[in-house]
N, C-alpha and C. Protein backbone atom coordinates (compact mmCIF):
# COMPACT_ATOMS: atom_id res chain seq x y z
N MET A 1 -215.87 180.90 54.05
CA MET A 1 -215.62 180.50 55.44
C MET A 1 -215.19 181.73 56.25
N LYS A 2 -216.14 182.42 56.83
CA LYS A 2 -215.83 183.58 57.64
C LYS A 2 -216.65 183.53 58.93
N SER A 3 -216.08 184.06 59.99
CA SER A 3 -216.79 184.19 61.25
C SER A 3 -217.25 185.64 61.41
N VAL A 4 -218.37 185.82 62.08
CA VAL A 4 -218.89 187.16 62.27
C VAL A 4 -218.06 187.94 63.28
N PHE A 5 -217.80 187.34 64.45
CA PHE A 5 -217.17 188.07 65.54
C PHE A 5 -215.74 187.61 65.88
N SER A 6 -215.30 186.48 65.35
CA SER A 6 -214.00 185.93 65.74
C SER A 6 -213.05 185.82 64.56
N PHE A 7 -211.76 185.90 64.86
CA PHE A 7 -210.73 185.54 63.90
C PHE A 7 -210.69 184.01 63.79
N ILE A 8 -210.26 183.51 62.65
CA ILE A 8 -209.97 182.08 62.51
C ILE A 8 -208.46 181.95 62.34
N VAL A 9 -207.84 181.15 63.21
CA VAL A 9 -206.38 181.03 63.23
C VAL A 9 -205.98 179.56 63.25
N LYS A 10 -204.72 179.33 62.95
CA LYS A 10 -204.14 177.99 63.10
C LYS A 10 -202.79 178.14 63.78
N PRO A 11 -202.35 177.13 64.55
CA PRO A 11 -201.06 177.23 65.23
C PRO A 11 -199.90 177.22 64.25
N VAL A 12 -198.87 177.96 64.57
CA VAL A 12 -197.62 177.89 63.82
C VAL A 12 -196.75 176.86 64.53
N GLY A 13 -196.58 175.71 63.90
CA GLY A 13 -195.91 174.60 64.57
C GLY A 13 -196.92 173.76 65.31
N GLU A 14 -196.49 173.13 66.39
CA GLU A 14 -197.36 172.28 67.19
C GLU A 14 -198.20 173.11 68.14
N ARG A 15 -199.27 172.49 68.66
CA ARG A 15 -200.14 173.20 69.61
C ARG A 15 -199.45 173.41 70.95
N TYR A 16 -198.52 172.52 71.29
CA TYR A 16 -197.79 172.64 72.55
C TYR A 16 -196.30 172.78 72.25
N GLU A 17 -195.64 173.66 73.01
CA GLU A 17 -194.20 173.86 72.91
C GLU A 17 -193.56 173.27 74.16
N ASN A 18 -193.32 171.96 74.12
CA ASN A 18 -192.84 171.24 75.29
C ASN A 18 -191.33 171.00 75.28
N LYS A 19 -190.66 171.43 74.23
CA LYS A 19 -189.25 171.08 74.09
C LYS A 19 -188.43 172.32 73.76
N ILE A 20 -187.20 172.33 74.25
CA ILE A 20 -186.23 173.35 73.87
C ILE A 20 -184.91 172.66 73.53
N ASN A 21 -184.10 173.33 72.73
CA ASN A 21 -182.79 172.81 72.37
C ASN A 21 -181.71 173.51 73.17
N ILE A 22 -180.88 172.73 73.84
CA ILE A 22 -179.74 173.24 74.58
C ILE A 22 -178.49 172.61 73.99
N GLY A 23 -177.76 173.41 73.22
CA GLY A 23 -176.64 172.85 72.47
C GLY A 23 -177.17 171.89 71.42
N ASP A 24 -176.67 170.67 71.40
CA ASP A 24 -177.15 169.67 70.46
C ASP A 24 -178.12 168.71 71.11
N LYS A 25 -178.62 169.05 72.30
CA LYS A 25 -179.55 168.20 73.03
C LYS A 25 -180.95 168.79 73.04
N GLU A 26 -181.96 167.92 73.02
CA GLU A 26 -183.35 168.34 73.12
C GLU A 26 -183.87 168.01 74.50
N LEU A 27 -184.42 169.01 75.18
CA LEU A 27 -184.90 168.84 76.54
C LEU A 27 -186.42 168.95 76.55
N VAL A 28 -187.08 167.92 77.11
CA VAL A 28 -188.53 167.92 77.26
C VAL A 28 -188.87 168.61 78.58
N LEU A 29 -189.61 169.71 78.50
CA LEU A 29 -189.91 170.50 79.68
C LEU A 29 -191.17 170.04 80.39
N ASN A 30 -192.13 169.50 79.64
CA ASN A 30 -193.41 169.21 80.24
C ASN A 30 -194.15 168.18 79.40
N THR A 31 -194.87 167.28 80.06
CA THR A 31 -195.66 166.28 79.35
C THR A 31 -197.14 166.37 79.71
N ARG A 32 -197.54 167.39 80.46
CA ARG A 32 -198.92 167.54 80.90
C ARG A 32 -199.65 168.57 80.04
N ILE A 33 -200.82 168.18 79.52
CA ILE A 33 -201.56 169.10 78.66
C ILE A 33 -202.23 170.21 79.46
N GLU A 34 -202.34 170.02 80.81
CA GLU A 34 -203.00 171.04 81.62
C GLU A 34 -202.15 172.30 81.78
N SER A 35 -200.84 172.18 81.64
CA SER A 35 -199.94 173.30 81.89
C SER A 35 -200.07 174.36 80.79
N PHE A 36 -200.56 175.53 81.16
CA PHE A 36 -200.76 176.59 80.15
C PHE A 36 -199.44 177.13 79.64
N LYS A 37 -198.36 177.02 80.43
CA LYS A 37 -197.09 177.58 80.01
C LYS A 37 -196.49 176.85 78.82
N SER A 38 -196.96 175.64 78.54
CA SER A 38 -196.42 174.87 77.42
C SER A 38 -197.26 175.01 76.16
N VAL A 39 -198.37 175.72 76.24
CA VAL A 39 -199.24 175.88 75.07
C VAL A 39 -198.64 176.89 74.10
N ASN A 40 -198.66 176.57 72.84
CA ASN A 40 -198.16 177.47 71.80
C ASN A 40 -199.06 178.70 71.71
N ASN A 41 -198.48 179.88 71.75
CA ASN A 41 -199.23 181.13 71.65
C ASN A 41 -199.09 181.80 70.28
N LEU A 42 -198.37 181.16 69.38
CA LEU A 42 -198.11 181.76 68.06
C LEU A 42 -199.05 181.16 67.02
N ALA A 43 -199.78 182.03 66.32
CA ALA A 43 -200.77 181.56 65.35
C ALA A 43 -200.70 182.37 64.07
N GLU A 44 -201.24 181.78 63.01
CA GLU A 44 -201.39 182.47 61.73
C GLU A 44 -202.86 182.76 61.49
N VAL A 45 -203.16 183.96 61.02
CA VAL A 45 -204.55 184.34 60.76
C VAL A 45 -205.01 183.75 59.43
N ILE A 46 -206.10 182.98 59.49
CA ILE A 46 -206.68 182.38 58.30
C ILE A 46 -207.82 183.24 57.75
N GLU A 47 -208.65 183.78 58.65
CA GLU A 47 -209.74 184.67 58.27
C GLU A 47 -209.91 185.74 59.34
N VAL A 48 -210.36 186.91 58.93
CA VAL A 48 -210.64 188.00 59.86
C VAL A 48 -212.16 188.10 60.05
N PRO A 49 -212.63 188.63 61.18
CA PRO A 49 -214.08 188.69 61.43
C PRO A 49 -214.79 189.70 60.54
N LEU A 50 -216.06 189.42 60.29
CA LEU A 50 -216.87 190.33 59.47
C LEU A 50 -217.29 191.57 60.23
N ALA A 51 -217.43 191.44 61.55
CA ALA A 51 -218.00 192.54 62.35
C ALA A 51 -217.00 193.62 62.71
N TYR A 52 -215.69 193.34 62.59
CA TYR A 52 -214.69 194.30 63.01
C TYR A 52 -213.77 194.65 61.85
N SER A 53 -213.25 195.87 61.90
CA SER A 53 -212.22 196.29 60.96
C SER A 53 -210.97 196.61 61.77
N THR A 54 -209.91 195.82 61.57
CA THR A 54 -208.66 196.02 62.30
C THR A 54 -207.51 196.05 61.31
N ASP A 55 -206.31 196.30 61.82
CA ASP A 55 -205.11 196.31 60.97
C ASP A 55 -204.57 194.91 60.72
N ILE A 56 -205.14 193.91 61.38
CA ILE A 56 -204.68 192.53 61.20
C ILE A 56 -205.25 191.97 59.91
N LYS A 57 -204.37 191.35 59.11
CA LYS A 57 -204.76 190.82 57.81
C LYS A 57 -204.57 189.30 57.77
N ILE A 58 -205.22 188.68 56.81
CA ILE A 58 -205.02 187.24 56.57
C ILE A 58 -203.54 186.99 56.28
N GLY A 59 -202.98 185.99 56.95
CA GLY A 59 -201.57 185.66 56.77
C GLY A 59 -200.66 186.25 57.83
N ASP A 60 -201.16 187.23 58.60
CA ASP A 60 -200.35 187.81 59.68
C ASP A 60 -200.15 186.79 60.80
N LEU A 61 -199.04 186.94 61.52
CA LEU A 61 -198.80 186.16 62.74
C LEU A 61 -199.35 186.93 63.93
N VAL A 62 -199.89 186.20 64.89
CA VAL A 62 -200.44 186.82 66.09
C VAL A 62 -200.01 186.04 67.33
N ILE A 63 -199.85 186.76 68.44
CA ILE A 63 -199.63 186.15 69.74
C ILE A 63 -200.98 186.15 70.44
N ILE A 64 -201.44 184.97 70.87
CA ILE A 64 -202.81 184.83 71.36
C ILE A 64 -202.85 184.22 72.76
N HIS A 65 -204.02 184.19 73.34
CA HIS A 65 -204.26 183.60 74.65
C HIS A 65 -204.02 182.10 74.60
N HIS A 66 -203.45 181.56 75.68
CA HIS A 66 -203.09 180.14 75.69
C HIS A 66 -204.30 179.21 75.64
N ASN A 67 -205.47 179.67 76.02
CA ASN A 67 -206.64 178.78 76.05
C ASN A 67 -207.17 178.43 74.67
N VAL A 68 -206.77 179.16 73.63
CA VAL A 68 -207.28 178.88 72.29
C VAL A 68 -206.86 177.48 71.84
N PHE A 69 -205.58 177.15 71.97
CA PHE A 69 -205.07 175.86 71.51
C PHE A 69 -205.02 174.81 72.63
N ARG A 70 -205.34 175.18 73.82
CA ARG A 70 -205.16 174.29 74.97
C ARG A 70 -206.14 173.11 74.93
N ARG A 71 -205.66 171.95 75.34
CA ARG A 71 -206.49 170.76 75.49
C ARG A 71 -206.75 170.52 76.97
N PHE A 72 -207.75 169.71 77.26
CA PHE A 72 -208.07 169.41 78.65
C PHE A 72 -208.68 168.01 78.74
N TYR A 73 -208.82 167.52 79.97
CA TYR A 73 -209.45 166.23 80.22
C TYR A 73 -210.88 166.46 80.71
N ASP A 74 -211.83 165.69 80.18
CA ASP A 74 -213.19 165.78 80.69
C ASP A 74 -213.33 164.92 81.94
N ILE A 75 -214.53 164.82 82.49
CA ILE A 75 -214.72 164.09 83.74
C ILE A 75 -214.47 162.59 83.60
N ARG A 76 -214.43 162.11 82.37
CA ARG A 76 -214.14 160.69 82.13
C ARG A 76 -212.66 160.45 81.84
N GLY A 77 -211.87 161.52 81.85
CA GLY A 77 -210.44 161.37 81.60
C GLY A 77 -210.06 161.38 80.14
N ASN A 78 -211.00 161.76 79.26
CA ASN A 78 -210.71 161.82 77.84
C ASN A 78 -210.21 163.20 77.45
N GLN A 79 -209.24 163.24 76.56
CA GLN A 79 -208.72 164.52 76.09
C GLN A 79 -209.74 165.20 75.17
N LYS A 80 -209.91 166.51 75.35
CA LYS A 80 -210.84 167.28 74.55
C LYS A 80 -210.16 168.54 74.03
N ASN A 81 -210.59 168.99 72.87
CA ASN A 81 -210.15 170.29 72.37
C ASN A 81 -210.84 171.40 73.14
N SER A 82 -210.26 172.59 73.10
CA SER A 82 -210.93 173.74 73.69
C SER A 82 -212.19 174.05 72.87
N ARG A 83 -213.08 174.84 73.45
CA ARG A 83 -214.31 175.19 72.74
C ARG A 83 -214.03 176.11 71.55
N ALA A 84 -212.78 176.59 71.44
CA ALA A 84 -212.40 177.42 70.31
C ALA A 84 -212.15 176.61 69.04
N TYR A 85 -212.03 175.27 69.19
CA TYR A 85 -211.70 174.44 68.03
C TYR A 85 -212.80 174.52 66.97
N PHE A 86 -212.39 174.71 65.72
CA PHE A 86 -213.32 174.78 64.60
C PHE A 86 -213.26 173.49 63.79
N MET A 87 -212.22 173.32 63.01
CA MET A 87 -212.01 172.09 62.25
C MET A 87 -210.64 172.15 61.59
N ASP A 88 -210.11 170.98 61.24
CA ASP A 88 -208.88 170.87 60.46
C ASP A 88 -207.76 171.77 60.99
N ASN A 89 -207.51 171.69 62.29
CA ASN A 89 -206.44 172.45 62.95
C ASN A 89 -206.66 173.95 62.89
N MET A 90 -207.91 174.39 62.77
CA MET A 90 -208.26 175.80 62.79
C MET A 90 -209.12 176.10 64.02
N TYR A 91 -208.99 177.33 64.53
CA TYR A 91 -209.63 177.70 65.79
C TYR A 91 -210.23 179.10 65.69
N PHE A 92 -211.32 179.30 66.43
CA PHE A 92 -211.86 180.64 66.59
C PHE A 92 -211.07 181.37 67.67
N CYS A 93 -210.79 182.64 67.43
CA CYS A 93 -210.03 183.45 68.38
C CYS A 93 -210.73 184.80 68.52
N ASP A 94 -211.22 185.09 69.72
CA ASP A 94 -211.91 186.36 69.94
C ASP A 94 -210.94 187.53 69.87
N ILE A 95 -211.48 188.70 69.60
CA ILE A 95 -210.64 189.88 69.41
C ILE A 95 -209.85 190.23 70.67
N ASP A 96 -210.39 189.93 71.86
CA ASP A 96 -209.67 190.23 73.10
C ASP A 96 -208.70 189.14 73.50
N GLN A 97 -208.53 188.12 72.65
CA GLN A 97 -207.55 187.06 72.89
C GLN A 97 -206.30 187.26 72.05
N ILE A 98 -206.21 188.37 71.32
CA ILE A 98 -205.04 188.69 70.51
C ILE A 98 -204.30 189.85 71.18
N TYR A 99 -202.99 189.70 71.37
CA TYR A 99 -202.20 190.68 72.10
C TYR A 99 -201.14 191.37 71.25
N LEU A 100 -200.69 190.69 70.21
CA LEU A 100 -199.58 191.20 69.40
C LEU A 100 -199.74 190.62 68.01
N TYR A 101 -199.40 191.39 66.98
CA TYR A 101 -199.46 190.84 65.63
C TYR A 101 -198.25 191.30 64.83
N LYS A 102 -197.90 190.49 63.85
CA LYS A 102 -196.72 190.77 63.02
C LYS A 102 -197.18 191.03 61.60
N SER A 103 -196.93 192.25 61.13
CA SER A 103 -197.34 192.65 59.79
C SER A 103 -196.16 193.31 59.09
N ASN A 104 -195.88 192.86 57.88
CA ASN A 104 -194.75 193.39 57.10
C ASN A 104 -193.43 193.31 57.86
N GLY A 105 -193.27 192.25 58.62
CA GLY A 105 -192.01 191.99 59.31
C GLY A 105 -191.86 192.63 60.67
N ASP A 106 -192.84 193.42 61.11
CA ASP A 106 -192.74 194.12 62.39
C ASP A 106 -193.84 193.66 63.34
N TRP A 107 -193.45 193.46 64.61
CA TRP A 107 -194.43 193.15 65.64
C TRP A 107 -195.06 194.45 66.14
N LYS A 108 -196.38 194.41 66.34
CA LYS A 108 -197.12 195.58 66.83
C LYS A 108 -198.12 195.13 67.89
N SER A 109 -198.25 195.92 68.93
CA SER A 109 -199.23 195.59 69.96
C SER A 109 -200.63 195.76 69.41
N PHE A 110 -201.58 195.06 70.02
CA PHE A 110 -202.96 195.08 69.53
C PHE A 110 -203.89 195.57 70.63
N GLY A 111 -204.76 196.50 70.28
CA GLY A 111 -205.70 197.04 71.26
C GLY A 111 -204.98 197.83 72.33
N ASN A 112 -205.36 197.58 73.57
CA ASN A 112 -204.77 198.33 74.69
C ASN A 112 -203.62 197.57 75.36
N ARG A 113 -203.02 196.64 74.64
CA ARG A 113 -201.93 195.85 75.21
C ARG A 113 -200.57 196.49 74.94
N CYS A 114 -199.62 196.18 75.80
CA CYS A 114 -198.23 196.59 75.60
C CYS A 114 -197.34 195.49 76.16
N PHE A 115 -196.05 195.52 75.80
CA PHE A 115 -195.12 194.47 76.21
C PHE A 115 -193.87 195.09 76.81
N ILE A 116 -193.41 194.50 77.92
CA ILE A 116 -192.27 195.00 78.68
C ILE A 116 -191.14 193.98 78.70
N LYS A 117 -189.91 194.45 78.48
CA LYS A 117 -188.72 193.61 78.64
C LYS A 117 -188.20 193.75 80.07
N PRO A 118 -188.05 192.64 80.80
CA PRO A 118 -187.47 192.75 82.15
C PRO A 118 -186.01 193.16 82.10
N ILE A 119 -185.54 193.74 83.20
CA ILE A 119 -184.13 194.13 83.29
C ILE A 119 -183.47 193.41 84.47
N LYS A 120 -182.16 193.34 84.44
CA LYS A 120 -181.40 192.65 85.48
C LYS A 120 -181.48 193.39 86.81
N ASP A 121 -181.49 192.62 87.87
CA ASP A 121 -181.41 193.19 89.22
C ASP A 121 -179.93 193.33 89.58
N THR A 122 -179.48 194.55 89.79
CA THR A 122 -178.07 194.80 90.09
C THR A 122 -177.80 194.94 91.58
N ASN A 123 -178.81 194.67 92.40
CA ASN A 123 -178.64 194.72 93.85
C ASN A 123 -177.93 193.47 94.32
N HIS A 124 -176.71 193.60 94.80
CA HIS A 124 -175.90 192.44 95.19
C HIS A 124 -176.35 191.85 96.53
N LEU A 125 -177.29 192.49 97.19
CA LEU A 125 -177.78 191.99 98.47
C LEU A 125 -178.95 191.01 98.32
N THR A 126 -179.38 190.78 97.09
CA THR A 126 -180.46 189.83 96.84
C THR A 126 -180.00 188.79 95.83
N ASN A 127 -180.78 187.70 95.76
CA ASN A 127 -180.50 186.65 94.78
C ASN A 127 -181.39 186.77 93.55
N ASP A 128 -182.18 187.84 93.50
CA ASP A 128 -183.08 188.03 92.37
C ASP A 128 -182.29 188.33 91.10
N LYS A 129 -182.71 187.74 90.00
CA LYS A 129 -182.03 187.96 88.74
C LYS A 129 -182.63 189.10 87.94
N GLU A 130 -183.87 189.46 88.23
CA GLU A 130 -184.49 190.57 87.50
C GLU A 130 -185.20 191.51 88.46
N ARG A 131 -185.28 192.77 88.05
CA ARG A 131 -185.96 193.77 88.85
C ARG A 131 -187.46 193.51 88.83
N GLU A 132 -188.09 193.71 89.96
CA GLU A 132 -189.54 193.54 90.03
C GLU A 132 -190.24 194.83 89.62
N LEU A 133 -191.29 194.66 88.81
CA LEU A 133 -192.22 195.75 88.48
C LEU A 133 -191.56 196.92 87.76
N ILE A 134 -190.50 196.64 87.03
CA ILE A 134 -189.83 197.67 86.25
C ILE A 134 -189.20 197.01 85.02
N GLY A 135 -189.27 197.68 83.89
CA GLY A 135 -188.70 197.11 82.68
C GLY A 135 -188.69 198.13 81.55
N ILE A 136 -188.32 197.67 80.38
CA ILE A 136 -188.21 198.53 79.21
C ILE A 136 -189.39 198.26 78.28
N LEU A 137 -190.07 199.32 77.87
CA LEU A 137 -191.21 199.17 76.98
C LEU A 137 -190.72 198.70 75.61
N LYS A 138 -191.13 197.49 75.25
CA LYS A 138 -190.72 196.91 73.96
C LYS A 138 -191.73 197.23 72.87
N TYR A 139 -193.01 196.99 73.14
CA TYR A 139 -194.07 197.30 72.19
C TYR A 139 -195.12 198.14 72.90
N GLY A 140 -195.26 199.38 72.48
CA GLY A 140 -196.23 200.28 73.08
C GLY A 140 -197.49 200.37 72.26
N ASN A 141 -198.25 201.45 72.49
CA ASN A 141 -199.47 201.68 71.73
C ASN A 141 -199.79 203.17 71.72
N SER A 142 -200.85 203.54 71.03
CA SER A 142 -201.17 204.96 70.85
C SER A 142 -201.55 205.64 72.16
N VAL A 143 -202.15 204.90 73.09
CA VAL A 143 -202.52 205.48 74.38
C VAL A 143 -201.28 205.90 75.14
N LEU A 144 -200.28 205.03 75.19
CA LEU A 144 -199.04 205.35 75.89
C LEU A 144 -198.29 206.47 75.17
N GLU A 145 -198.31 206.45 73.85
CA GLU A 145 -197.64 207.52 73.10
C GLU A 145 -198.25 208.88 73.40
N SER A 146 -199.57 208.92 73.60
CA SER A 146 -200.23 210.18 73.93
C SER A 146 -199.79 210.70 75.29
N LEU A 147 -199.29 209.78 76.14
CA LEU A 147 -198.77 210.16 77.46
C LEU A 147 -197.26 210.36 77.43
N LYS A 148 -196.69 210.36 76.20
CA LYS A 148 -195.25 210.52 75.99
C LYS A 148 -194.45 209.38 76.61
N ILE A 149 -195.03 208.20 76.59
CA ILE A 149 -194.34 206.97 76.99
C ILE A 149 -194.14 206.16 75.72
N ASN A 150 -192.88 206.05 75.31
CA ASN A 150 -192.56 205.47 74.01
C ASN A 150 -191.73 204.20 74.15
N GLU A 151 -191.68 203.44 73.09
CA GLU A 151 -190.87 202.22 73.07
C GLU A 151 -189.42 202.55 73.38
N GLY A 152 -188.83 201.77 74.27
CA GLY A 152 -187.47 202.02 74.72
C GLY A 152 -187.40 202.73 76.06
N ASP A 153 -188.53 203.27 76.54
CA ASP A 153 -188.55 203.96 77.83
C ASP A 153 -188.51 202.95 78.98
N LEU A 154 -187.93 203.39 80.08
CA LEU A 154 -187.89 202.59 81.30
C LEU A 154 -189.14 202.92 82.11
N VAL A 155 -189.95 201.90 82.41
CA VAL A 155 -191.24 202.14 83.04
C VAL A 155 -191.46 201.22 84.23
N GLY A 156 -192.38 201.63 85.11
CA GLY A 156 -192.81 200.80 86.21
C GLY A 156 -194.26 200.40 86.01
N TYR A 157 -194.62 199.21 86.52
CA TYR A 157 -195.98 198.71 86.31
C TYR A 157 -196.51 198.07 87.59
N THR A 158 -197.83 197.95 87.66
CA THR A 158 -198.48 197.41 88.85
C THR A 158 -198.36 195.89 88.88
N PRO A 159 -198.38 195.28 90.08
CA PRO A 159 -198.27 193.82 90.18
C PRO A 159 -199.58 193.13 89.81
N GLY A 160 -199.45 191.91 89.29
CA GLY A 160 -200.61 191.06 89.06
C GLY A 160 -201.26 191.19 87.70
N GLY A 161 -200.87 192.18 86.91
CA GLY A 161 -201.52 192.37 85.62
C GLY A 161 -200.70 191.86 84.45
N GLU A 162 -199.48 191.37 84.72
CA GLU A 162 -198.59 190.98 83.64
C GLU A 162 -198.69 189.48 83.35
N PHE A 163 -198.55 189.13 82.05
CA PHE A 163 -198.54 187.74 81.62
C PHE A 163 -197.29 187.49 80.79
N GLU A 164 -196.65 186.38 81.03
CA GLU A 164 -195.37 186.09 80.39
C GLU A 164 -195.56 185.46 79.02
N PHE A 165 -194.83 185.99 78.04
CA PHE A 165 -194.80 185.42 76.70
C PHE A 165 -193.35 185.37 76.23
N VAL A 166 -193.07 184.46 75.31
CA VAL A 166 -191.77 184.44 74.63
C VAL A 166 -192.02 184.77 73.17
N VAL A 167 -191.44 185.86 72.71
CA VAL A 167 -191.63 186.33 71.34
C VAL A 167 -190.28 186.33 70.64
N GLU A 168 -190.09 185.39 69.74
CA GLU A 168 -188.85 185.25 68.98
C GLU A 168 -187.62 185.26 69.89
N GLY A 169 -187.68 184.42 70.92
CA GLY A 169 -186.53 184.24 71.80
C GLY A 169 -186.37 185.28 72.88
N GLN A 170 -187.32 186.20 73.02
CA GLN A 170 -187.26 187.24 74.05
C GLN A 170 -188.43 187.08 75.00
N ARG A 171 -188.13 186.89 76.28
CA ARG A 171 -189.21 186.81 77.28
C ARG A 171 -189.72 188.21 77.57
N LEU A 172 -191.04 188.37 77.45
CA LEU A 172 -191.68 189.67 77.62
C LEU A 172 -192.89 189.53 78.55
N TYR A 173 -193.26 190.63 79.16
CA TYR A 173 -194.48 190.67 79.96
C TYR A 173 -195.53 191.49 79.22
N CYS A 174 -196.69 190.87 79.01
CA CYS A 174 -197.82 191.56 78.38
C CYS A 174 -198.72 192.12 79.47
N MET A 175 -199.20 193.34 79.25
CA MET A 175 -200.12 193.97 80.20
C MET A 175 -200.93 195.02 79.47
N LYS A 176 -201.89 195.63 80.18
CA LYS A 176 -202.70 196.69 79.60
C LYS A 176 -202.03 198.04 79.83
N SER A 177 -202.44 199.01 79.04
CA SER A 177 -201.85 200.35 79.12
C SER A 177 -201.93 200.93 80.53
N ASN A 178 -203.08 200.74 81.19
CA ASN A 178 -203.24 201.35 82.51
C ASN A 178 -202.48 200.63 83.61
N ASP A 179 -201.78 199.53 83.26
CA ASP A 179 -200.89 198.89 84.23
C ASP A 179 -199.55 199.63 84.32
N ILE A 180 -199.24 200.45 83.32
CA ILE A 180 -198.03 201.27 83.35
C ILE A 180 -198.32 202.50 84.21
N VAL A 181 -197.54 202.68 85.28
CA VAL A 181 -197.87 203.74 86.24
C VAL A 181 -196.80 204.82 86.36
N ILE A 182 -195.61 204.57 85.83
CA ILE A 182 -194.55 205.58 85.97
C ILE A 182 -193.52 205.40 84.87
N LYS A 183 -192.91 206.53 84.47
CA LYS A 183 -191.81 206.53 83.51
C LYS A 183 -190.56 207.00 84.24
N TYR A 184 -189.52 206.17 84.20
CA TYR A 184 -188.28 206.48 84.90
C TYR A 184 -187.25 207.08 83.95
N GLY A 185 -186.29 207.75 84.53
CA GLY A 185 -185.11 208.15 83.79
C GLY A 185 -184.04 207.07 83.93
N TYR A 186 -183.26 206.88 82.89
CA TYR A 186 -182.20 205.86 82.93
C TYR A 186 -181.07 206.32 83.85
N LYS A 187 -180.55 205.34 84.63
CA LYS A 187 -179.39 205.62 85.48
C LYS A 187 -178.08 205.23 84.79
N GLY A 188 -178.18 204.38 83.80
CA GLY A 188 -177.00 203.97 83.06
C GLY A 188 -176.54 202.56 83.34
N ASP A 189 -177.09 201.92 84.40
CA ASP A 189 -176.67 200.56 84.72
C ASP A 189 -177.75 199.53 84.38
N GLU A 190 -178.78 199.96 83.65
CA GLU A 190 -179.85 199.05 83.30
C GLU A 190 -179.40 198.10 82.18
N ALA A 191 -179.75 196.84 82.31
CA ALA A 191 -179.44 195.84 81.28
C ALA A 191 -180.61 194.88 81.17
N GLU A 192 -180.94 194.51 79.94
CA GLU A 192 -182.04 193.57 79.74
C GLU A 192 -181.73 192.23 80.37
N TYR A 193 -182.77 191.58 80.87
CA TYR A 193 -182.61 190.22 81.40
C TYR A 193 -183.46 189.27 80.57
N ASN A 194 -182.79 188.30 79.95
CA ASN A 194 -183.47 187.31 79.13
C ASN A 194 -182.87 185.95 79.42
N PRO A 195 -183.59 185.05 80.11
CA PRO A 195 -183.03 183.76 80.48
C PRO A 195 -182.68 182.91 79.27
N SER A 196 -181.72 182.02 79.43
CA SER A 196 -181.24 181.22 78.30
C SER A 196 -182.31 180.31 77.74
N TRP A 197 -183.24 179.84 78.59
CA TRP A 197 -184.29 178.95 78.07
C TRP A 197 -185.19 179.68 77.09
N ALA A 198 -185.39 180.97 77.27
CA ALA A 198 -186.22 181.73 76.31
C ALA A 198 -185.48 181.89 75.00
N GLN A 199 -184.18 182.14 75.05
CA GLN A 199 -183.41 182.33 73.83
C GLN A 199 -183.33 181.06 73.00
N SER A 200 -183.45 179.90 73.66
CA SER A 200 -183.35 178.62 72.94
C SER A 200 -184.70 178.12 72.45
N SER A 201 -185.75 178.92 72.66
CA SER A 201 -187.09 178.48 72.24
C SER A 201 -187.67 179.45 71.22
N ILE A 202 -186.85 179.90 70.29
CA ILE A 202 -187.28 180.90 69.30
C ILE A 202 -188.37 180.30 68.41
N ARG A 203 -189.47 181.04 68.28
CA ARG A 203 -190.56 180.68 67.39
C ARG A 203 -190.78 181.86 66.45
N THR A 204 -190.63 181.62 65.18
CA THR A 204 -190.77 182.69 64.18
C THR A 204 -191.30 182.11 62.89
N ASP A 205 -191.52 182.98 61.94
CA ASP A 205 -192.01 182.51 60.64
C ASP A 205 -190.84 182.24 59.71
């Protein structure tokens, strides 16, 4: 059972992450299957494609595009699986739908993707809780390293290219390498910003 061009994956847990725990209470966040923010993005690799050679192995965890596991309604109002559905809770996942993978206990970016941790907005004249278009590089890649932009650096990025993910209780922004446009020096007052709802929705192996 191998695919030529796609990975075969299965969700870790349920296909939708609609609930979080706050203290000893369970809170239902969403009951609509159309909402992409509630779709589980964490998957386990069942098979790797024949056409590509990558560092991702069978059994690795991957962070994937929300449309892989997403369900929808057809014109008759019936629920349908995405076209990625294969069988028995397994799905095809294209190589450009994988953003992060976990191998030997460490998360690593995949392809030209990188992940940014937002930081707190310390401007007392605004009500914003996090700084816009600036954050700490959490997971980099070889392209950024060649530009001397390394994990832990404070960087600025262009608007509109970032996608929100929660990785083991940490809210991160995923983007491409060329969305990173500047490397800042630390001023000393930077602090990570991670909302409590992200911390209470930890998904891990």
